[in-house]
Amino acid sequence: MSWKDDVYLVLERDPAPKSFSEALMFSQGLHAVLLHRISHRLYLKGQYKLARLINYWSRVLTGADIHPGAKLGNNVFIDHATGVVIGETTVIGDNVSIFQGVTLGGVSTAKEKRHPTIMDNVIIGAHATVLGNITIGENVKIGAGSVVVKDVPPNVTVVGIPGKVVQRTVCEYDRLQKVRQESLPDPLMETLTDLCNAIDSIERRIEVLEERVKKP
């Protein structure tokens, strides 16, 4: 795909830019993707220092640190690039959306595949962390702030620390794109709610037993 396609992608997924020129000039996520495509080509040619130099200045300019070795597919959208970190052996498929503060990192220092593989049509919410040589299946939604350290099957929603599957849906990418992070389930809150309900039930039973004991 051409750089123009990347600009039109920003206009499609980000309501803030009002024109092609505004998206081109001021979208940091777009700049991070475009500069990465240049550094990645140099990396594949063995020009590692030059690739890392472009990576370095891209990080200074955009706030995103995308290693030149990482593989990005078509239609990868990064919204508010600040704090995005994508490791060397990361593989990202097509039509993936990544929000600010996302980390696609490793848990090993071995010279092997140590970063995630993100399949097509995945949405990764703000400040989510995906670690290790794991695979995130197609059409997955990862909620904001989640930490994922295990493989995730396709067509599910994952939230929490550690990430847990809270919803299984087979849905189109258009519907995925319209997901609202605040509407995603919160397994921790659900667990606390269940615990509070259980405590209330026990307290009511104790009150009933105490009343029975007091009666002559």
N, C-alpha and C. Protein backbone atom coordinates (compact mmCIF):
# COMPACT_ATOMS: atom_id res chain seq x y z
N MET A 1 0.84 -1.19 0.00
CA MET A 1 0.00 0.00 0.00
C MET A 1 0.88 1.25 0.00
N SER A 2 0.36 2.34 -0.52
CA SER A 2 1.13 3.58 -0.62
C SER A 2 0.93 4.44 0.62
N TRP A 3 1.76 5.48 0.75
CA TRP A 3 1.64 6.37 1.89
C TRP A 3 0.30 7.10 1.89
N LYS A 4 -0.27 7.31 0.69
CA LYS A 4 -1.58 7.96 0.62
C LYS A 4 -2.66 7.08 1.25
N ASP A 5 -2.54 5.78 1.05
CA ASP A 5 -3.49 4.86 1.68
C ASP A 5 -3.42 4.96 3.21
N ASP A 6 -2.19 5.13 3.73
CA ASP A 6 -2.03 5.29 5.17
C ASP A 6 -2.71 6.56 5.67
N VAL A 7 -2.64 7.63 4.87
CA VAL A 7 -3.28 8.89 5.26
C VAL A 7 -4.81 8.73 5.26
N TYR A 8 -5.33 8.10 4.19
CA TYR A 8 -6.77 7.89 4.12
C TYR A 8 -7.26 6.99 5.26
N LEU A 9 -6.41 6.08 5.70
CA LEU A 9 -6.76 5.22 6.82
C LEU A 9 -6.95 6.05 8.09
N VAL A 10 -6.07 7.02 8.30
CA VAL A 10 -6.20 7.92 9.45
C VAL A 10 -7.53 8.67 9.39
N LEU A 11 -7.87 9.18 8.21
CA LEU A 11 -9.13 9.91 8.05
C LEU A 11 -10.33 9.01 8.31
N GLU A 12 -10.18 7.73 7.99
CA GLU A 12 -11.28 6.78 8.19
C GLU A 12 -11.48 6.44 9.66
N ARG A 13 -10.39 6.30 10.42
CA ARG A 13 -10.50 5.79 11.79
C ARG A 13 -10.35 6.85 12.87
N ASP A 14 -9.87 8.02 12.52
CA ASP A 14 -9.70 9.09 13.50
C ASP A 14 -10.57 10.27 13.11
N PRO A 15 -11.57 10.61 13.93
CA PRO A 15 -12.46 11.71 13.58
C PRO A 15 -11.85 13.10 13.76
N ALA A 16 -10.66 13.18 14.38
CA ALA A 16 -10.09 14.49 14.69
C ALA A 16 -9.61 15.26 13.45
N PRO A 17 -8.81 14.66 12.55
CA PRO A 17 -8.34 15.41 11.38
C PRO A 17 -9.51 15.78 10.46
N LYS A 18 -9.51 17.01 9.97
CA LYS A 18 -10.60 17.49 9.13
C LYS A 18 -10.28 17.41 7.64
N SER A 19 -9.03 17.12 7.30
CA SER A 19 -8.65 17.08 5.89
C SER A 19 -7.46 16.16 5.71
N PHE A 20 -7.19 15.84 4.43
CA PHE A 20 -6.05 15.00 4.07
C PHE A 20 -4.75 15.65 4.54
N SER A 21 -4.61 16.94 4.30
CA SER A 21 -3.38 17.63 4.65
C SER A 21 -3.18 17.70 6.16
N GLU A 22 -4.27 17.88 6.89
CA GLU A 22 -4.15 17.92 8.35
C GLU A 22 -3.71 16.57 8.90
N ALA A 23 -4.29 15.49 8.38
CA ALA A 23 -3.88 14.15 8.82
C ALA A 23 -2.42 13.89 8.48
N LEU A 24 -2.01 14.31 7.29
CA LEU A 24 -0.64 14.08 6.85
C LEU A 24 0.37 14.84 7.71
N MET A 25 0.04 16.05 8.07
CA MET A 25 1.00 16.89 8.79
C MET A 25 1.04 16.64 10.29
N PHE A 26 -0.10 16.26 10.89
CA PHE A 26 -0.16 16.30 12.34
C PHE A 26 -0.50 14.97 13.03
N SER A 27 -0.64 13.90 12.27
CA SER A 27 -0.94 12.61 12.90
C SER A 27 0.36 11.90 13.26
N GLN A 28 0.68 11.87 14.56
CA GLN A 28 1.92 11.25 15.00
C GLN A 28 1.93 9.74 14.74
N GLY A 29 0.76 9.12 14.89
CA GLY A 29 0.68 7.69 14.60
C GLY A 29 1.00 7.38 13.15
N LEU A 30 0.49 8.22 12.26
CA LEU A 30 0.79 8.07 10.83
C LEU A 30 2.28 8.21 10.59
N HIS A 31 2.89 9.22 11.19
CA HIS A 31 4.33 9.45 11.00
C HIS A 31 5.13 8.25 11.52
N ALA A 32 4.70 7.69 12.64
CA ALA A 32 5.39 6.53 13.21
C ALA A 32 5.34 5.35 12.24
N VAL A 33 4.18 5.12 11.62
CA VAL A 33 4.04 4.01 10.68
C VAL A 33 4.87 4.24 9.43
N LEU A 34 4.81 5.46 8.89
CA LEU A 34 5.56 5.76 7.66
C LEU A 34 7.06 5.65 7.88
N LEU A 35 7.55 6.20 8.98
CA LEU A 35 8.98 6.11 9.27
C LEU A 35 9.40 4.67 9.54
N HIS A 36 8.51 3.90 10.16
CA HIS A 36 8.84 2.50 10.38
C HIS A 36 8.96 1.75 9.06
N ARG A 37 8.10 2.03 8.12
CA ARG A 37 8.18 1.33 6.83
C ARG A 37 9.53 1.58 6.17
N ILE A 38 10.06 2.79 6.31
CA ILE A 38 11.38 3.10 5.75
C ILE A 38 12.47 2.35 6.50
N SER A 39 12.41 2.42 7.84
CA SER A 39 13.45 1.77 8.63
C SER A 39 13.40 0.25 8.46
N HIS A 40 12.22 -0.30 8.29
CA HIS A 40 12.09 -1.76 8.12
C HIS A 40 12.72 -2.22 6.80
N ARG A 41 12.52 -1.43 5.75
CA ARG A 41 13.14 -1.79 4.46
C ARG A 41 14.65 -1.78 4.58
N LEU A 42 15.19 -0.78 5.27
CA LEU A 42 16.64 -0.72 5.47
C LEU A 42 17.12 -1.89 6.33
N TYR A 43 16.34 -2.24 7.32
CA TYR A 43 16.68 -3.36 8.20
C TYR A 43 16.77 -4.66 7.41
N LEU A 44 15.83 -4.87 6.52
CA LEU A 44 15.83 -6.09 5.71
C LEU A 44 17.03 -6.14 4.76
N LYS A 45 17.54 -4.98 4.41
CA LYS A 45 18.72 -4.92 3.53
C LYS A 45 20.03 -5.02 4.31
N GLY A 46 19.93 -5.15 5.63
CA GLY A 46 21.13 -5.27 6.45
C GLY A 46 21.75 -3.95 6.85
N GLN A 47 21.08 -2.84 6.57
CA GLN A 47 21.59 -1.52 6.95
C GLN A 47 21.06 -1.17 8.34
N TYR A 48 21.55 -1.90 9.33
CA TYR A 48 20.98 -1.85 10.67
C TYR A 48 21.18 -0.50 11.35
N LYS A 49 22.35 0.10 11.21
CA LYS A 49 22.61 1.37 11.90
C LYS A 49 21.71 2.47 11.35
N LEU A 50 21.58 2.51 10.03
CA LEU A 50 20.73 3.54 9.43
C LEU A 50 19.27 3.30 9.82
N ALA A 51 18.88 2.03 9.86
CA ALA A 51 17.51 1.70 10.26
C ALA A 51 17.25 2.14 11.70
N ARG A 52 18.22 1.88 12.58
CA ARG A 52 18.06 2.28 13.98
C ARG A 52 18.10 3.80 14.14
N LEU A 53 18.85 4.48 13.29
CA LEU A 53 18.89 5.94 13.35
C LEU A 53 17.51 6.52 13.03
N ILE A 54 16.87 5.99 12.00
CA ILE A 54 15.52 6.46 11.66
C ILE A 54 14.55 6.11 12.78
N ASN A 55 14.71 4.91 13.35
CA ASN A 55 13.89 4.50 14.48
C ASN A 55 14.06 5.45 15.67
N TYR A 56 15.31 5.86 15.91
CA TYR A 56 15.60 6.77 17.03
C TYR A 56 14.89 8.11 16.84
N TRP A 57 15.02 8.69 15.67
CA TRP A 57 14.41 10.00 15.43
C TRP A 57 12.89 9.89 15.35
N SER A 58 12.40 8.77 14.89
CA SER A 58 10.95 8.56 14.89
C SER A 58 10.43 8.56 16.32
N ARG A 59 11.17 7.93 17.24
CA ARG A 59 10.75 7.91 18.64
C ARG A 59 10.76 9.32 19.23
N VAL A 60 11.76 10.12 18.86
CA VAL A 60 11.83 11.50 19.35
C VAL A 60 10.66 12.32 18.82
N LEU A 61 10.33 12.13 17.55
CA LEU A 61 9.31 12.95 16.90
C LEU A 61 7.89 12.52 17.24
N THR A 62 7.67 11.22 17.40
CA THR A 62 6.31 10.72 17.54
C THR A 62 5.97 10.16 18.92
N GLY A 63 6.98 9.78 19.69
CA GLY A 63 6.73 9.16 20.98
C GLY A 63 6.51 7.67 20.91
N ALA A 64 6.58 7.09 19.70
CA ALA A 64 6.41 5.65 19.52
C ALA A 64 7.76 5.01 19.22
N ASP A 65 8.01 3.86 19.84
CA ASP A 65 9.26 3.13 19.62
C ASP A 65 8.93 1.81 18.93
N ILE A 66 9.05 1.79 17.60
CA ILE A 66 8.76 0.60 16.81
C ILE A 66 10.09 0.09 16.25
N HIS A 67 10.55 -1.05 16.73
CA HIS A 67 11.83 -1.58 16.29
C HIS A 67 11.80 -1.82 14.78
N PRO A 68 12.88 -1.50 14.07
CA PRO A 68 12.92 -1.70 12.61
C PRO A 68 12.66 -3.14 12.19
N GLY A 69 12.93 -4.10 13.08
CA GLY A 69 12.72 -5.49 12.72
C GLY A 69 11.27 -5.94 12.78
N ALA A 70 10.42 -5.16 13.45
CA ALA A 70 9.01 -5.53 13.56
C ALA A 70 8.34 -5.50 12.20
N LYS A 71 7.40 -6.42 11.99
CA LYS A 71 6.70 -6.52 10.70
C LYS A 71 5.27 -6.01 10.87
N LEU A 72 4.94 -4.97 10.11
CA LEU A 72 3.60 -4.39 10.14
C LEU A 72 2.89 -4.68 8.83
N GLY A 73 1.65 -5.15 8.92
CA GLY A 73 0.86 -5.43 7.73
C GLY A 73 0.25 -4.17 7.15
N ASN A 74 -0.73 -4.33 6.27
CA ASN A 74 -1.42 -3.20 5.66
C ASN A 74 -2.51 -2.66 6.60
N ASN A 75 -2.80 -1.39 6.44
CA ASN A 75 -3.87 -0.75 7.21
C ASN A 75 -3.67 -0.87 8.71
N VAL A 76 -2.44 -0.68 9.15
CA VAL A 76 -2.16 -0.62 10.59
C VAL A 76 -2.33 0.82 11.05
N PHE A 77 -3.20 1.03 12.02
CA PHE A 77 -3.52 2.37 12.49
C PHE A 77 -3.04 2.52 13.93
N ILE A 78 -2.25 3.56 14.19
CA ILE A 78 -1.80 3.87 15.54
C ILE A 78 -2.38 5.23 15.93
N ASP A 79 -3.21 5.23 16.95
CA ASP A 79 -3.87 6.46 17.38
C ASP A 79 -3.12 7.05 18.56
N HIS A 80 -2.70 8.30 18.48
CA HIS A 80 -1.91 8.93 19.54
C HIS A 80 -0.69 8.05 19.83
N ALA A 81 0.34 8.19 19.08
CA ALA A 81 1.48 7.27 19.12
C ALA A 81 2.22 7.26 20.45
N THR A 82 2.00 8.25 21.29
CA THR A 82 2.77 8.40 22.53
C THR A 82 2.77 7.13 23.36
N GLY A 83 3.98 6.66 23.68
CA GLY A 83 4.12 5.53 24.58
C GLY A 83 3.98 4.16 23.95
N VAL A 84 3.73 4.09 22.65
CA VAL A 84 3.61 2.79 21.97
C VAL A 84 5.00 2.17 21.82
N VAL A 85 5.14 0.92 22.25
CA VAL A 85 6.40 0.19 22.12
C VAL A 85 6.13 -1.14 21.43
N ILE A 86 6.83 -1.37 20.32
CA ILE A 86 6.65 -2.61 19.54
C ILE A 86 8.02 -3.23 19.35
N GLY A 87 8.20 -4.45 19.87
CA GLY A 87 9.50 -5.10 19.88
C GLY A 87 9.94 -5.67 18.54
N GLU A 88 11.19 -6.07 18.49
CA GLU A 88 11.87 -6.46 17.26
C GLU A 88 11.19 -7.60 16.50
N THR A 89 10.76 -8.64 17.20
CA THR A 89 10.22 -9.82 16.51
C THR A 89 8.69 -9.83 16.48
N THR A 90 8.10 -8.69 16.73
CA THR A 90 6.64 -8.57 16.64
C THR A 90 6.18 -8.70 15.20
N VAL A 91 5.08 -9.39 14.99
CA VAL A 91 4.45 -9.49 13.68
C VAL A 91 3.01 -9.01 13.82
N ILE A 92 2.63 -8.02 13.02
CA ILE A 92 1.29 -7.44 13.08
C ILE A 92 0.62 -7.63 11.73
N GLY A 93 -0.58 -8.16 11.74
CA GLY A 93 -1.32 -8.42 10.51
C GLY A 93 -1.97 -7.18 9.94
N ASP A 94 -3.00 -7.38 9.12
CA ASP A 94 -3.70 -6.29 8.44
C ASP A 94 -4.86 -5.77 9.29
N ASN A 95 -5.20 -4.51 9.06
CA ASN A 95 -6.38 -3.88 9.68
C ASN A 95 -6.33 -3.92 11.20
N VAL A 96 -5.17 -3.66 11.76
CA VAL A 96 -4.99 -3.64 13.22
C VAL A 96 -5.00 -2.20 13.71
N SER A 97 -5.69 -1.96 14.82
CA SER A 97 -5.71 -0.64 15.44
C SER A 97 -5.04 -0.70 16.80
N ILE A 98 -4.12 0.23 17.05
CA ILE A 98 -3.35 0.27 18.29
C ILE A 98 -3.48 1.66 18.90
N PHE A 99 -3.86 1.71 20.17
CA PHE A 99 -4.04 3.00 20.83
C PHE A 99 -2.84 3.35 21.71
N GLN A 100 -2.84 4.54 22.27
CA GLN A 100 -1.67 5.07 22.97
C GLN A 100 -1.25 4.19 24.13
N GLY A 101 0.06 4.15 24.37
CA GLY A 101 0.60 3.46 25.52
C GLY A 101 0.66 1.95 25.41
N VAL A 102 0.35 1.40 24.26
CA VAL A 102 0.37 -0.06 24.09
C VAL A 102 1.81 -0.57 24.02
N THR A 103 2.06 -1.69 24.69
CA THR A 103 3.36 -2.35 24.63
C THR A 103 3.19 -3.76 24.07
N LEU A 104 3.92 -4.03 22.99
CA LEU A 104 4.02 -5.39 22.44
C LEU A 104 5.44 -5.83 22.71
N GLY A 105 5.66 -6.44 23.87
CA GLY A 105 7.01 -6.67 24.35
C GLY A 105 7.37 -8.14 24.50
N GLY A 106 8.59 -8.35 24.96
CA GLY A 106 9.11 -9.70 25.15
C GLY A 106 9.33 -10.02 26.61
N VAL A 107 9.48 -11.29 26.89
CA VAL A 107 9.77 -11.74 28.26
C VAL A 107 11.07 -12.55 28.29
N SER A 108 11.83 -12.47 27.21
CA SER A 108 13.06 -13.24 27.11
C SER A 108 14.12 -12.39 26.43
N THR A 109 15.38 -12.66 26.75
CA THR A 109 16.49 -11.97 26.09
C THR A 109 17.15 -12.87 25.04
N ALA A 110 16.61 -14.07 24.83
CA ALA A 110 17.17 -14.98 23.84
C ALA A 110 16.96 -14.42 22.44
N LYS A 111 17.90 -14.72 21.55
CA LYS A 111 17.81 -14.24 20.16
C LYS A 111 16.92 -15.19 19.38
N GLU A 112 15.62 -15.03 19.61
CA GLU A 112 14.63 -15.87 18.96
C GLU A 112 13.34 -15.07 18.87
N LYS A 113 12.28 -15.69 18.36
CA LYS A 113 10.98 -15.02 18.33
C LYS A 113 10.50 -14.86 19.77
N ARG A 114 10.47 -13.63 20.26
CA ARG A 114 10.16 -13.39 21.66
C ARG A 114 9.07 -12.33 21.86
N HIS A 115 8.49 -11.88 20.76
CA HIS A 115 7.43 -10.88 20.84
C HIS A 115 6.14 -11.42 20.22
N PRO A 116 5.02 -10.75 20.45
CA PRO A 116 3.72 -11.28 20.01
C PRO A 116 3.53 -11.28 18.50
N THR A 117 2.62 -12.15 18.07
CA THR A 117 2.08 -12.12 16.71
C THR A 117 0.63 -11.69 16.81
N ILE A 118 0.31 -10.59 16.15
CA ILE A 118 -1.04 -10.03 16.18
C ILE A 118 -1.69 -10.31 14.83
N MET A 119 -2.73 -11.10 14.81
CA MET A 119 -3.39 -11.45 13.56
C MET A 119 -4.26 -10.29 13.06
N ASP A 120 -4.98 -10.52 11.96
CA ASP A 120 -5.75 -9.46 11.30
C ASP A 120 -6.93 -8.99 12.16
N ASN A 121 -7.29 -7.73 11.96
CA ASN A 121 -8.52 -7.15 12.50
C ASN A 121 -8.56 -7.10 14.02
N VAL A 122 -7.41 -6.90 14.64
CA VAL A 122 -7.34 -6.82 16.10
C VAL A 122 -7.36 -5.36 16.55
N ILE A 123 -8.02 -5.10 17.67
CA ILE A 123 -8.01 -3.77 18.29
C ILE A 123 -7.37 -3.91 19.67
N ILE A 124 -6.34 -3.09 19.93
CA ILE A 124 -5.64 -3.13 21.21
C ILE A 124 -5.85 -1.79 21.91
N GLY A 125 -6.57 -1.82 23.03
CA GLY A 125 -6.94 -0.60 23.74
C GLY A 125 -5.76 0.09 24.40
N ALA A 126 -5.98 1.32 24.80
CA ALA A 126 -4.93 2.18 25.38
C ALA A 126 -4.27 1.52 26.58
N HIS A 127 -2.93 1.57 26.60
CA HIS A 127 -2.10 1.09 27.72
C HIS A 127 -2.22 -0.41 27.97
N ALA A 128 -2.70 -1.14 26.98
CA ALA A 128 -2.69 -2.60 27.10
C ALA A 128 -1.27 -3.11 26.87
N THR A 129 -0.95 -4.25 27.47
CA THR A 129 0.37 -4.85 27.35
C THR A 129 0.22 -6.30 26.89
N VAL A 130 0.93 -6.63 25.81
CA VAL A 130 0.91 -8.00 25.28
C VAL A 130 2.36 -8.48 25.27
N LEU A 131 2.64 -9.55 26.02
CA LEU A 131 4.03 -9.95 26.25
C LEU A 131 4.30 -11.38 25.80
N GLY A 132 5.49 -11.56 25.21
CA GLY A 132 5.97 -12.89 24.90
C GLY A 132 5.63 -13.36 23.50
N ASN A 133 6.14 -14.54 23.16
CA ASN A 133 5.91 -15.14 21.85
C ASN A 133 4.55 -15.83 21.86
N ILE A 134 3.51 -15.01 21.85
CA ILE A 134 2.13 -15.52 21.86
C ILE A 134 1.41 -15.02 20.61
N THR A 135 0.26 -15.61 20.35
CA THR A 135 -0.52 -15.23 19.18
C THR A 135 -1.88 -14.70 19.61
N ILE A 136 -2.23 -13.53 19.10
CA ILE A 136 -3.54 -12.94 19.32
C ILE A 136 -4.36 -13.19 18.05
N GLY A 137 -5.43 -13.97 18.17
CA GLY A 137 -6.19 -14.39 17.00
C GLY A 137 -6.93 -13.26 16.30
N GLU A 138 -7.47 -13.57 15.15
CA GLU A 138 -8.19 -12.58 14.34
C GLU A 138 -9.43 -12.06 15.07
N ASN A 139 -9.73 -10.80 14.81
CA ASN A 139 -10.94 -10.14 15.31
C ASN A 139 -11.01 -10.04 16.82
N VAL A 140 -9.86 -10.05 17.49
CA VAL A 140 -9.83 -9.95 18.94
C VAL A 140 -9.85 -8.48 19.37
N LYS A 141 -10.55 -8.21 20.47
CA LYS A 141 -10.53 -6.90 21.11
C LYS A 141 -9.83 -7.04 22.46
N ILE A 142 -8.80 -6.24 22.70
CA ILE A 142 -8.10 -6.25 23.98
C ILE A 142 -8.42 -4.93 24.68
N GLY A 143 -9.03 -5.03 25.85
CA GLY A 143 -9.48 -3.84 26.57
C GLY A 143 -8.33 -2.99 27.08
N ALA A 144 -8.61 -1.73 27.30
CA ALA A 144 -7.61 -0.78 27.79
C ALA A 144 -7.04 -1.25 29.13
N GLY A 145 -5.71 -1.18 29.25
CA GLY A 145 -5.04 -1.52 30.49
C GLY A 145 -4.86 -3.00 30.75
N SER A 146 -5.29 -3.84 29.84
CA SER A 146 -5.17 -5.29 30.04
C SER A 146 -3.72 -5.75 29.87
N VAL A 147 -3.40 -6.87 30.51
CA VAL A 147 -2.08 -7.50 30.37
C VAL A 147 -2.30 -8.92 29.86
N VAL A 148 -1.81 -9.20 28.66
CA VAL A 148 -2.04 -10.49 28.03
C VAL A 148 -0.71 -11.22 27.89
N VAL A 149 -0.63 -12.43 28.44
CA VAL A 149 0.62 -13.20 28.41
C VAL A 149 0.42 -14.60 27.86
N LYS A 150 -0.80 -14.90 27.39
CA LYS A 150 -1.08 -16.21 26.81
C LYS A 150 -1.79 -16.04 25.48
N ASP A 151 -1.74 -17.09 24.64
CA ASP A 151 -2.43 -17.05 23.36
C ASP A 151 -3.90 -16.72 23.55
N VAL A 152 -4.45 -15.98 22.58
CA VAL A 152 -5.86 -15.62 22.61
C VAL A 152 -6.51 -16.15 21.34
N PRO A 153 -7.61 -16.91 21.46
CA PRO A 153 -8.27 -17.44 20.26
C PRO A 153 -8.96 -16.33 19.48
N PRO A 154 -9.33 -16.61 18.23
CA PRO A 154 -10.01 -15.58 17.42
C PRO A 154 -11.38 -15.22 17.97
N ASN A 155 -11.85 -14.03 17.58
CA ASN A 155 -13.23 -13.61 17.78
C ASN A 155 -13.65 -13.52 19.25
N VAL A 156 -12.77 -12.98 20.09
CA VAL A 156 -13.12 -12.83 21.50
C VAL A 156 -12.72 -11.44 21.99
N THR A 157 -13.22 -11.10 23.17
CA THR A 157 -12.82 -9.89 23.87
C THR A 157 -12.05 -10.29 25.11
N VAL A 158 -10.91 -9.63 25.34
CA VAL A 158 -10.05 -9.94 26.48
C VAL A 158 -9.86 -8.68 27.31
N VAL A 159 -10.06 -8.79 28.63
CA VAL A 159 -9.82 -7.66 29.52
C VAL A 159 -9.21 -8.16 30.81
N GLY A 160 -8.60 -7.24 31.57
CA GLY A 160 -8.13 -7.56 32.90
C GLY A 160 -6.65 -7.85 33.01
N ILE A 161 -6.21 -8.05 34.26
CA ILE A 161 -4.82 -8.38 34.58
C ILE A 161 -4.82 -9.61 35.48
N PRO A 162 -4.39 -10.76 34.99
CA PRO A 162 -4.02 -11.03 33.59
C PRO A 162 -5.26 -11.07 32.70
N GLY A 163 -5.05 -10.93 31.40
CA GLY A 163 -6.16 -10.89 30.47
C GLY A 163 -6.99 -12.16 30.48
N LYS A 164 -8.31 -11.98 30.52
CA LYS A 164 -9.22 -13.13 30.48
C LYS A 164 -10.27 -12.90 29.41
N VAL A 165 -10.68 -13.99 28.77
CA VAL A 165 -11.72 -13.91 27.76
C VAL A 165 -13.05 -13.67 28.47
N VAL A 166 -13.73 -12.59 28.10
CA VAL A 166 -15.00 -12.27 28.75
C VAL A 166 -16.17 -12.30 27.78
N GLN A 167 -15.87 -12.44 26.51
CA GLN A 167 -16.95 -12.44 25.52
C GLN A 167 -16.46 -13.13 24.26
N ARG A 168 -17.31 -13.96 23.69
CA ARG A 168 -16.97 -14.64 22.45
C ARG A 168 -17.98 -14.21 21.40
N THR A 169 -17.47 -13.59 20.36
CA THR A 169 -18.34 -13.12 19.29
C THR A 169 -17.67 -13.32 17.95
N VAL A 170 -18.48 -13.65 16.96
CA VAL A 170 -17.99 -13.68 15.58
C VAL A 170 -18.54 -12.43 14.93
N CYS A 171 -17.69 -11.46 14.69
CA CYS A 171 -18.18 -10.17 14.24
C CYS A 171 -17.31 -9.60 13.14
N GLU A 172 -17.89 -8.71 12.39
CA GLU A 172 -17.18 -8.08 11.29
C GLU A 172 -16.25 -6.99 11.83
N TYR A 173 -15.24 -6.67 11.04
CA TYR A 173 -14.28 -5.67 11.47
C TYR A 173 -14.92 -4.31 11.63
N ASP A 174 -15.92 -3.99 10.77
CA ASP A 174 -16.59 -2.70 10.89
C ASP A 174 -17.20 -2.54 12.27
N ARG A 175 -17.80 -3.63 12.79
CA ARG A 175 -18.40 -3.56 14.10
C ARG A 175 -17.31 -3.45 15.17
N LEU A 176 -16.19 -4.12 14.98
CA LEU A 176 -15.08 -4.03 15.92
C LEU A 176 -14.56 -2.60 16.01
N GLN A 177 -14.51 -1.93 14.87
CA GLN A 177 -13.97 -0.58 14.86
C GLN A 177 -14.80 0.38 15.71
N LYS A 178 -16.06 0.08 15.93
CA LYS A 178 -16.93 0.99 16.65
C LYS A 178 -17.01 0.67 18.15
N VAL A 179 -16.18 -0.28 18.60
CA VAL A 179 -16.22 -0.67 20.00
C VAL A 179 -15.85 0.51 20.91
N ARG A 180 -16.54 0.63 22.03
CA ARG A 180 -16.22 1.65 23.03
C ARG A 180 -15.56 0.97 24.20
N GLN A 181 -14.38 1.46 24.58
CA GLN A 181 -13.61 0.81 25.64
C GLN A 181 -14.37 0.78 26.96
N GLU A 182 -15.16 1.82 27.25
CA GLU A 182 -15.84 1.85 28.53
C GLU A 182 -16.98 0.84 28.61
N SER A 183 -17.38 0.29 27.45
CA SER A 183 -18.47 -0.68 27.46
C SER A 183 -17.99 -2.11 27.60
N LEU A 184 -16.66 -2.32 27.62
CA LEU A 184 -16.14 -3.67 27.76
C LEU A 184 -16.36 -4.18 29.19
N PRO A 185 -16.60 -5.49 29.34
CA PRO A 185 -16.80 -6.05 30.68
C PRO A 185 -15.56 -5.88 31.54
N ASP A 186 -15.78 -5.79 32.86
CA ASP A 186 -14.68 -5.68 33.82
C ASP A 186 -14.75 -6.89 34.75
N PRO A 187 -13.93 -7.93 34.50
CA PRO A 187 -14.02 -9.14 35.31
C PRO A 187 -13.70 -8.91 36.78
N LEU A 188 -12.81 -7.98 37.10
CA LEU A 188 -12.49 -7.70 38.50
C LEU A 188 -13.69 -7.11 39.21
N MET A 189 -14.34 -6.14 38.58
CA MET A 189 -15.52 -5.53 39.20
C MET A 189 -16.64 -6.55 39.35
N GLU A 190 -16.79 -7.43 38.34
CA GLU A 190 -17.83 -8.46 38.43
C GLU A 190 -17.54 -9.41 39.60
N THR A 191 -16.27 -9.76 39.79
CA THR A 191 -15.89 -10.65 40.90
C THR A 191 -16.16 -9.98 42.24
N LEU A 192 -15.80 -8.71 42.36
CA LEU A 192 -16.04 -7.98 43.61
C LEU A 192 -17.53 -7.85 43.90
N THR A 193 -18.31 -7.63 42.84
CA THR A 193 -19.76 -7.53 43.02
C THR A 193 -20.34 -8.85 43.53
N ASP A 194 -19.89 -9.96 42.92
CA ASP A 194 -20.35 -11.29 43.37
C ASP A 194 -19.95 -11.54 44.82
N LEU A 195 -18.73 -11.12 45.19
CA LEU A 195 -18.25 -11.31 46.55
C LEU A 195 -19.10 -10.51 47.54
N CYS A 196 -19.39 -9.27 47.19
CA CYS A 196 -20.22 -8.44 48.06
C CYS A 196 -21.62 -9.03 48.22
N ASN A 197 -22.19 -9.54 47.13
CA ASN A 197 -23.51 -10.16 47.21
C ASN A 197 -23.49 -11.39 48.11
N ALA A 198 -22.40 -12.17 48.00
CA ALA A 198 -22.28 -13.37 48.84
C ALA A 198 -22.17 -12.98 50.31
N ILE A 199 -21.41 -11.92 50.62
CA ILE A 199 -21.27 -11.47 52.01
C ILE A 199 -22.61 -10.98 52.55
N ASP A 200 -23.36 -10.24 51.73
CA ASP A 200 -24.69 -9.77 52.15
C ASP A 200 -25.60 -10.95 52.47
N SER A 201 -25.54 -11.99 51.63
CA SER A 201 -26.38 -13.17 51.85
C SER A 201 -26.01 -13.87 53.16
N ILE A 202 -24.72 -13.99 53.43
CA ILE A 202 -24.27 -14.63 54.67
C ILE A 202 -24.70 -13.82 55.89
N GLU A 203 -24.57 -12.50 55.80
CA GLU A 203 -24.96 -11.64 56.93
C GLU A 203 -26.44 -11.76 57.23
N ARG A 204 -27.27 -11.85 56.18
CA ARG A 204 -28.72 -12.00 56.39
C ARG A 204 -29.04 -13.33 57.07
N ARG A 205 -28.32 -14.38 56.65
CA ARG A 205 -28.54 -15.69 57.27
C ARG A 205 -28.14 -15.68 58.74
N ILE A 206 -27.04 -15.00 59.05
CA ILE A 206 -26.58 -14.91 60.44
C ILE A 206 -27.61 -14.16 61.29
N GLU A 207 -28.18 -13.08 60.75
CA GLU A 207 -29.19 -12.33 61.47
C GLU A 207 -30.41 -13.19 61.78
N VAL A 208 -30.82 -13.99 60.79
CA VAL A 208 -31.97 -14.88 61.00
C VAL A 208 -31.67 -15.90 62.09
N LEU A 209 -30.46 -16.48 62.07
CA LEU A 209 -30.09 -17.47 63.08
C LEU A 209 -30.01 -16.85 64.45
N GLU A 210 -29.49 -15.61 64.55
CA GLU A 210 -29.40 -14.94 65.85
C GLU A 210 -30.77 -14.68 66.42
N GLU A 211 -31.73 -14.30 65.57
CA GLU A 211 -33.08 -14.05 66.03
C GLU A 211 -33.72 -15.33 66.55
N ARG A 212 -33.45 -16.44 65.86
CA ARG A 212 -34.02 -17.73 66.30
C ARG A 212 -33.43 -18.16 67.65
N VAL A 213 -32.11 -17.90 67.81
CA VAL A 213 -31.46 -18.28 69.07
C VAL A 213 -32.02 -17.45 70.24
N LYS A 214 -32.34 -16.17 70.01
CA LYS A 214 -32.83 -15.29 71.07
C LYS A 214 -34.25 -15.66 71.51
N LYS A 215 -35.02 -16.27 70.63
CA LYS A 215 -36.40 -16.61 70.99
C LYS A 215 -36.41 -17.73 72.02
N PRO A 216 -37.29 -17.64 73.03
CA PRO A 216 -37.38 -18.68 74.09
C PRO A 216 -37.91 -20.00 73.52
